[in-house]
Amino acid sequence: MPEFIQQLPALIGVIVGALGSYMAITRGDRIRFQREQAARWEERRLAIYTEYARVLKQSVTLTYRVAAHLGNDPHPHPLSPDEAEPHFTEAADARDPAGEALLMLGAPDVVDKARVWVLTVIEMERFLRDATRDPDAWAGLLERQRAARQGYYAAVRRDLTLPPGHSGQWAVTGSMNTPAPRGD
């Protein structure tokens, strides 16, 4: 028995070391799992944010084309309201599931900014459905849409902890010396 008593501190040390090692490994695995899970959700949110922006931008491009047909916009590929109507319907149909996914996984600030952007786009569509011919009013709507889009992208970057990005506004030129009236 005295031999056992002499070995007891070493045995206790081995047990404590094994328990400590087990706890450290378990904690490390849990932290790694949480980190990987957070990265997966971040990738999913980025995909949803990107898809929402893509379908909304599809609507915006259609509005530019119809506005060009009505004389409100310099877009080089005008489209009549009648020709555009099925495309508007398709774009609106694509917006709904993208918006639902955004509501489900998006950060509240991103969802709020998305709402501002989509309401501005809907206002642009209404402006064109009324066949309004007012380039100045159209220019005001474009500025509001660009600001709303920029607000959405800024909220996305904040949510995903990305650095600030480009505003997305640059001059598109027809020739090297002549700036176009619209950037985007």
C-alpha atoms as a PDB file:
ATOM      1  CA  MET A   1       0.000   0.000   0.000  1.00  0.00           C
ATOM      2  CA  PRO A   2       2.757   2.524   0.713  1.00  0.00           C
ATOM      3  CA  GLU A   3       3.905   2.012  -2.887  1.00  0.00           C
ATOM      4  CA  PHE A   4       0.416   2.903  -4.114  1.00  0.00           C
ATOM      5  CA  ILE A   5       0.423   6.025  -1.947  1.00  0.00           C
ATOM      6  CA  GLN A   6       3.770   7.018  -3.458  1.00  0.00           C
ATOM      7  CA  GLN A   7       2.375   6.549  -6.983  1.00  0.00           C
ATOM      8  CA  LEU A   8      -0.893   8.340  -6.225  1.00  0.00           C
ATOM      9  CA  PRO A   9       0.359  11.891  -7.031  1.00  0.00           C
ATOM     10  CA  ALA A  10       1.629  10.686 -10.423  1.00  0.00           C
ATOM     11  CA  LEU A  11      -1.651   8.881 -11.102  1.00  0.00           C
ATOM     12  CA  ILE A  12      -3.647  11.979 -10.144  1.00  0.00           C
ATOM     13  CA  GLY A  13      -1.400  14.044 -12.426  1.00  0.00           C
ATOM     14  CA  VAL A  14      -2.080  11.696 -15.339  1.00  0.00           C
ATOM     15  CA  ILE A  15      -5.842  11.839 -14.712  1.00  0.00           C
ATOM     16  CA  VAL A  16      -5.843  15.644 -14.416  1.00  0.00           C
ATOM     17  CA  GLY A  17      -3.705  15.908 -17.566  1.00  0.00           C
ATOM     18  CA  ALA A  18      -6.024  13.595 -19.513  1.00  0.00           C
ATOM     19  CA  LEU A  19      -9.104  15.528 -18.379  1.00  0.00           C
ATOM     20  CA  GLY A  20      -7.450  18.844 -19.225  1.00  0.00           C
ATOM     21  CA  SER A  21      -6.415  17.561 -22.644  1.00  0.00           C
ATOM     22  CA  TYR A  22      -9.931  16.246 -23.294  1.00  0.00           C
ATOM     23  CA  MET A  23     -11.483  19.572 -22.273  1.00  0.00           C
ATOM     24  CA  ALA A  24      -9.042  21.561 -24.420  1.00  0.00           C
ATOM     25  CA  ILE A  25      -9.705  19.386 -27.480  1.00  0.00           C
ATOM     26  CA  THR A  26     -13.481  19.515 -26.941  1.00  0.00           C
ATOM     27  CA  ARG A  27     -13.402  23.294 -26.533  1.00  0.00           C
ATOM     28  CA  GLY A  28     -11.225  23.688 -29.636  1.00  0.00           C
ATOM     29  CA  ASP A  29     -13.579  21.478 -31.652  1.00  0.00           C
ATOM     30  CA  ARG A  30     -16.602  23.461 -30.461  1.00  0.00           C
ATOM     31  CA  ILE A  31     -14.945  26.771 -31.362  1.00  0.00           C
ATOM     32  CA  ARG A  32     -13.921  25.457 -34.795  1.00  0.00           C
ATOM     33  CA  PHE A  33     -17.467  24.148 -35.412  1.00  0.00           C
ATOM     34  CA  GLN A  34     -18.988  27.509 -34.437  1.00  0.00           C
ATOM     35  CA  ARG A  35     -16.506  29.358 -36.660  1.00  0.00           C
ATOM     36  CA  GLU A  36     -17.263  27.065 -39.620  1.00  0.00           C
ATOM     37  CA  GLN A  37     -20.999  27.374 -39.032  1.00  0.00           C
ATOM     38  CA  ALA A  38     -20.750  31.172 -38.906  1.00  0.00           C
ATOM     39  CA  ALA A  39     -18.756  31.143 -42.162  1.00  0.00           C
ATOM     40  CA  ARG A  40     -21.422  28.965 -43.843  1.00  0.00           C
ATOM     41  CA  TRP A  41     -24.208  31.322 -42.749  1.00  0.00           C
ATOM     42  CA  GLU A  42     -22.177  34.305 -43.902  1.00  0.00           C
ATOM     43  CA  GLU A  43     -21.737  32.672 -47.333  1.00  0.00           C
ATOM     44  CA  ARG A  44     -25.478  32.014 -47.513  1.00  0.00           C
ATOM     45  CA  ARG A  45     -26.294  35.605 -46.554  1.00  0.00           C
ATOM     46  CA  LEU A  46     -23.860  36.898 -49.186  1.00  0.00           C
ATOM     47  CA  ALA A  47     -25.516  34.693 -51.827  1.00  0.00           C
ATOM     48  CA  ILE A  48     -28.969  35.946 -50.810  1.00  0.00           C
ATOM     49  CA  TYR A  49     -27.840  39.580 -50.752  1.00  0.00           C
ATOM     50  CA  THR A  50     -26.247  39.168 -54.177  1.00  0.00           C
ATOM     51  CA  GLU A  51     -29.302  37.459 -55.668  1.00  0.00           C
ATOM     52  CA  TYR A  52     -31.608  40.158 -54.333  1.00  0.00           C
ATOM     53  CA  ALA A  53     -29.423  42.880 -55.834  1.00  0.00           C
ATOM     54  CA  ARG A  54     -29.281  41.000 -59.150  1.00  0.00           C
ATOM     55  CA  VAL A  55     -33.051  40.641 -59.512  1.00  0.00           C
ATOM     56  CA  LEU A  56     -33.659  44.221 -58.428  1.00  0.00           C
ATOM     57  CA  LYS A  57     -31.037  45.516 -60.838  1.00  0.00           C
ATOM     58  CA  GLN A  58     -32.809  43.559 -63.588  1.00  0.00           C
ATOM     59  CA  SER A  59     -35.908  45.669 -62.900  1.00  0.00           C
ATOM     60  CA  VAL A  60     -33.832  48.841 -62.837  1.00  0.00           C
ATOM     61  CA  THR A  61     -32.321  48.073 -66.238  1.00  0.00           C
ATOM     62  CA  LEU A  62     -35.788  47.499 -67.669  1.00  0.00           C
ATOM     63  CA  THR A  63     -36.913  50.878 -66.331  1.00  0.00           C
ATOM     64  CA  TYR A  64     -33.938  52.567 -68.036  1.00  0.00           C
ATOM     65  CA  ARG A  65     -34.917  50.997 -71.340  1.00  0.00           C
ATOM     66  CA  VAL A  66     -38.588  51.963 -71.107  1.00  0.00           C
ATOM     67  CA  ALA A  67     -37.651  55.451 -69.931  1.00  0.00           C
ATOM     68  CA  ALA A  68     -35.473  55.760 -73.039  1.00  0.00           C
ATOM     69  CA  HIS A  69     -38.474  54.857 -75.200  1.00  0.00           C
ATOM     70  CA  LEU A  70     -40.475  57.622 -73.482  1.00  0.00           C
ATOM     71  CA  GLY A  71     -37.647  60.135 -73.944  1.00  0.00           C
ATOM     72  CA  ASN A  72     -36.678  60.315 -70.261  1.00  0.00           C
ATOM     73  CA  ASP A  73     -33.356  58.426 -70.373  1.00  0.00           C
ATOM     74  CA  PRO A  74     -30.419  58.166 -72.796  1.00  0.00           C
ATOM     75  CA  HIS A  75     -30.230  54.337 -72.594  1.00  0.00           C
ATOM     76  CA  PRO A  76     -29.043  53.043 -75.991  1.00  0.00           C
ATOM     77  CA  HIS A  77     -31.585  50.192 -76.182  1.00  0.00           C
ATOM     78  CA  PRO A  78     -35.101  51.618 -75.773  1.00  0.00           C
ATOM     79  CA  LEU A  79     -37.974  49.245 -75.129  1.00  0.00           C
ATOM     80  CA  SER A  80     -41.655  50.070 -75.498  1.00  0.00           C
ATOM     81  CA  PRO A  81     -43.884  49.624 -72.441  1.00  0.00           C
ATOM     82  CA  ASP A  82     -45.843  46.899 -74.257  1.00  0.00           C
ATOM     83  CA  GLU A  83     -42.667  44.962 -75.064  1.00  0.00           C
ATOM     84  CA  ALA A  84     -41.377  45.472 -71.529  1.00  0.00           C
ATOM     85  CA  GLU A  85     -44.510  44.366 -69.669  1.00  0.00           C
ATOM     86  CA  PRO A  86     -43.756  40.601 -69.724  1.00  0.00           C
ATOM     87  CA  HIS A  87     -40.198  41.362 -68.626  1.00  0.00           C
ATOM     88  CA  PHE A  88     -41.464  43.508 -65.747  1.00  0.00           C
ATOM     89  CA  THR A  89     -43.752  40.661 -64.696  1.00  0.00           C
ATOM     90  CA  GLU A  90     -40.880  38.189 -64.844  1.00  0.00           C
ATOM     91  CA  ALA A  91     -38.625  40.520 -62.855  1.00  0.00           C
ATOM     92  CA  ALA A  92     -41.320  41.065 -60.201  1.00  0.00           C
ATOM     93  CA  ASP A  93     -41.864  37.305 -59.982  1.00  0.00           C
ATOM     94  CA  ALA A  94     -38.116  36.824 -59.405  1.00  0.00           C
ATOM     95  CA  ARG A  95     -38.108  39.555 -56.732  1.00  0.00           C
ATOM     96  CA  ASP A  96     -40.626  37.785 -54.513  1.00  0.00           C
ATOM     97  CA  PRO A  97     -38.621  34.639 -53.614  1.00  0.00           C
ATOM     98  CA  ALA A  98     -35.408  36.669 -53.412  1.00  0.00           C
ATOM     99  CA  GLY A  99     -37.155  39.056 -51.021  1.00  0.00           C
ATOM    100  CA  GLU A 100     -38.458  36.201 -48.882  1.00  0.00           C
ATOM    101  CA  ALA A 101     -34.973  34.718 -48.580  1.00  0.00           C
ATOM    102  CA  LEU A 102     -33.687  38.169 -47.652  1.00  0.00           C
ATOM    103  CA  LEU A 103     -36.345  38.511 -44.946  1.00  0.00           C
ATOM    104  CA  MET A 104     -35.448  35.091 -43.572  1.00  0.00           C
ATOM    105  CA  LEU A 105     -31.665  35.429 -43.371  1.00  0.00           C
ATOM    106  CA  GLY A 106     -30.888  39.111 -43.806  1.00  0.00           C
ATOM    107  CA  ALA A 107     -29.787  41.420 -41.042  1.00  0.00           C
ATOM    108  CA  PRO A 108     -32.507  43.917 -40.038  1.00  0.00           C
ATOM    109  CA  ASP A 109     -30.513  46.906 -41.348  1.00  0.00           C
ATOM    110  CA  VAL A 110     -29.970  45.187 -44.707  1.00  0.00           C
ATOM    111  CA  VAL A 111     -33.674  44.332 -44.979  1.00  0.00           C
ATOM    112  CA  ASP A 112     -34.606  47.936 -44.173  1.00  0.00           C
ATOM    113  CA  LYS A 113     -32.255  49.272 -46.847  1.00  0.00           C
ATOM    114  CA  ALA A 114     -33.534  46.683 -49.340  1.00  0.00           C
ATOM    115  CA  ARG A 115     -37.075  47.900 -48.677  1.00  0.00           C
ATOM    116  CA  VAL A 116     -36.095  51.498 -49.438  1.00  0.00           C
ATOM    117  CA  TRP A 117     -34.420  50.383 -52.661  1.00  0.00           C
ATOM    118  CA  VAL A 118     -37.316  48.209 -53.871  1.00  0.00           C
ATOM    119  CA  LEU A 119     -39.917  50.871 -53.088  1.00  0.00           C
ATOM    120  CA  THR A 120     -37.941  53.338 -55.186  1.00  0.00           C
ATOM    121  CA  VAL A 121     -37.770  50.829 -58.049  1.00  0.00           C
ATOM    122  CA  ILE A 122     -41.517  50.222 -57.787  1.00  0.00           C
ATOM    123  CA  GLU A 123     -42.032  53.988 -57.939  1.00  0.00           C
ATOM    124  CA  MET A 124     -39.888  54.088 -61.089  1.00  0.00           C
ATOM    125  CA  GLU A 125     -42.004  51.336 -62.642  1.00  0.00           C
ATOM    126  CA  ARG A 126     -45.217  53.209 -61.741  1.00  0.00           C
ATOM    127  CA  PHE A 127     -43.783  56.400 -63.281  1.00  0.00           C
ATOM    128  CA  LEU A 128     -43.257  54.503 -66.542  1.00  0.00           C
ATOM    129  CA  ARG A 129     -46.595  52.668 -66.482  1.00  0.00           C
ATOM    130  CA  ASP A 130     -48.244  56.095 -66.349  1.00  0.00           C
ATOM    131  CA  ALA A 131     -46.228  56.910 -69.516  1.00  0.00           C
ATOM    132  CA  THR A 132     -44.849  60.026 -67.836  1.00  0.00           C
ATOM    133  CA  ARG A 133     -42.577  62.095 -70.051  1.00  0.00           C
ATOM    134  CA  ASP A 134     -40.568  64.211 -67.635  1.00  0.00           C
ATOM    135  CA  PRO A 135     -36.773  63.793 -67.867  1.00  0.00           C
ATOM    136  CA  ASP A 136     -36.180  65.976 -64.795  1.00  0.00           C
ATOM    137  CA  ALA A 137     -38.522  63.947 -62.603  1.00  0.00           C
ATOM    138  CA  TRP A 138     -36.934  60.778 -64.016  1.00  0.00           C
ATOM    139  CA  ALA A 139     -33.467  62.091 -63.127  1.00  0.00           C
ATOM    140  CA  GLY A 140     -34.672  62.635 -59.549  1.00  0.00           C
ATOM    141  CA  LEU A 141     -35.958  59.062 -59.375  1.00  0.00           C
ATOM    142  CA  LEU A 142     -32.634  57.784 -60.717  1.00  0.00           C
ATOM    143  CA  GLU A 143     -30.741  59.655 -58.017  1.00  0.00           C
ATOM    144  CA  ARG A 144     -33.020  58.248 -55.321  1.00  0.00           C
ATOM    145  CA  GLN A 145     -32.591  54.736 -56.744  1.00  0.00           C
ATOM    146  CA  ARG A 146     -28.810  55.094 -56.819  1.00  0.00           C
ATOM    147  CA  ALA A 147     -28.729  56.382 -53.252  1.00  0.00           C
ATOM    148  CA  ALA A 148     -30.995  53.533 -52.114  1.00  0.00           C
ATOM    149  CA  ARG A 149     -28.817  50.974 -53.896  1.00  0.00           C
ATOM    150  CA  GLN A 150     -25.714  52.469 -52.342  1.00  0.00           C
ATOM    151  CA  GLY A 151     -27.384  52.321 -48.909  1.00  0.00           C
ATOM    152  CA  TYR A 152     -28.244  48.648 -49.462  1.00  0.00           C
ATOM    153  CA  TYR A 153     -24.682  47.770 -50.474  1.00  0.00           C
ATOM    154  CA  ALA A 154     -23.255  49.681 -47.514  1.00  0.00           C
ATOM    155  CA  ALA A 155     -25.571  47.784 -45.129  1.00  0.00           C
ATOM    156  CA  VAL A 156     -24.525  44.477 -46.715  1.00  0.00           C
ATOM    157  CA  ARG A 157     -20.853  45.363 -46.268  1.00  0.00           C
ATOM    158  CA  ARG A 158     -21.421  46.295 -42.636  1.00  0.00           C
ATOM    159  CA  ASP A 159     -23.315  43.061 -41.966  1.00  0.00           C
ATOM    160  CA  LEU A 160     -20.600  40.926 -43.554  1.00  0.00           C
ATOM    161  CA  THR A 161     -17.838  43.071 -42.000  1.00  0.00           C
ATOM    162  CA  LEU A 162     -16.412  43.935 -45.405  1.00  0.00           C
ATOM    163  CA  PRO A 163     -14.449  47.110 -46.063  1.00  0.00           C
ATOM    164  CA  PRO A 164     -16.284  50.014 -47.690  1.00  0.00           C
ATOM    165  CA  GLY A 165     -16.731  49.534 -51.406  1.00  0.00           C
ATOM    166  CA  HIS A 166     -17.085  51.620 -54.524  1.00  0.00           C
ATOM    167  CA  SER A 167     -20.203  53.769 -54.897  1.00  0.00           C
ATOM    168  CA  GLY A 168     -20.976  52.153 -58.247  1.00  0.00           C
ATOM    169  CA  GLN A 169     -21.308  55.521 -59.958  1.00  0.00           C
ATOM    170  CA  TRP A 170     -19.017  56.209 -62.847  1.00  0.00           C
ATOM    171  CA  ALA A 171     -19.380  57.998 -66.119  1.00  0.00           C
ATOM    172  CA  VAL A 172     -20.054  55.814 -69.124  1.00  0.00           C
ATOM    173  CA  THR A 173     -18.748  57.522 -72.210  1.00  0.00           C
ATOM    174  CA  GLY A 174     -19.757  57.203 -75.838  1.00  0.00           C
ATOM    175  CA  SER A 175     -16.328  58.367 -76.931  1.00  0.00           C
ATOM    176  CA  MET A 176     -13.157  59.141 -75.085  1.00  0.00           C
ATOM    177  CA  ASN A 177     -13.869  62.884 -74.891  1.00  0.00           C
ATOM    178  CA  THR A 178     -17.629  63.030 -74.338  1.00  0.00           C
ATOM    179  CA  PRO A 179     -19.024  62.023 -70.956  1.00  0.00           C
ATOM    180  CA  ALA A 180     -22.447  60.454 -70.981  1.00  0.00           C
ATOM    181  CA  PRO A 181     -25.184  62.117 -68.928  1.00  0.00           C
ATOM    182  CA  ARG A 182     -25.623  59.107 -66.660  1.00  0.00           C
ATOM    183  CA  GLY A 183     -23.271  56.861 -64.693  1.00  0.00           C
ATOM    184  CA  ASP A 184     -24.326  53.514 -63.246  1.00  0.00           C
END
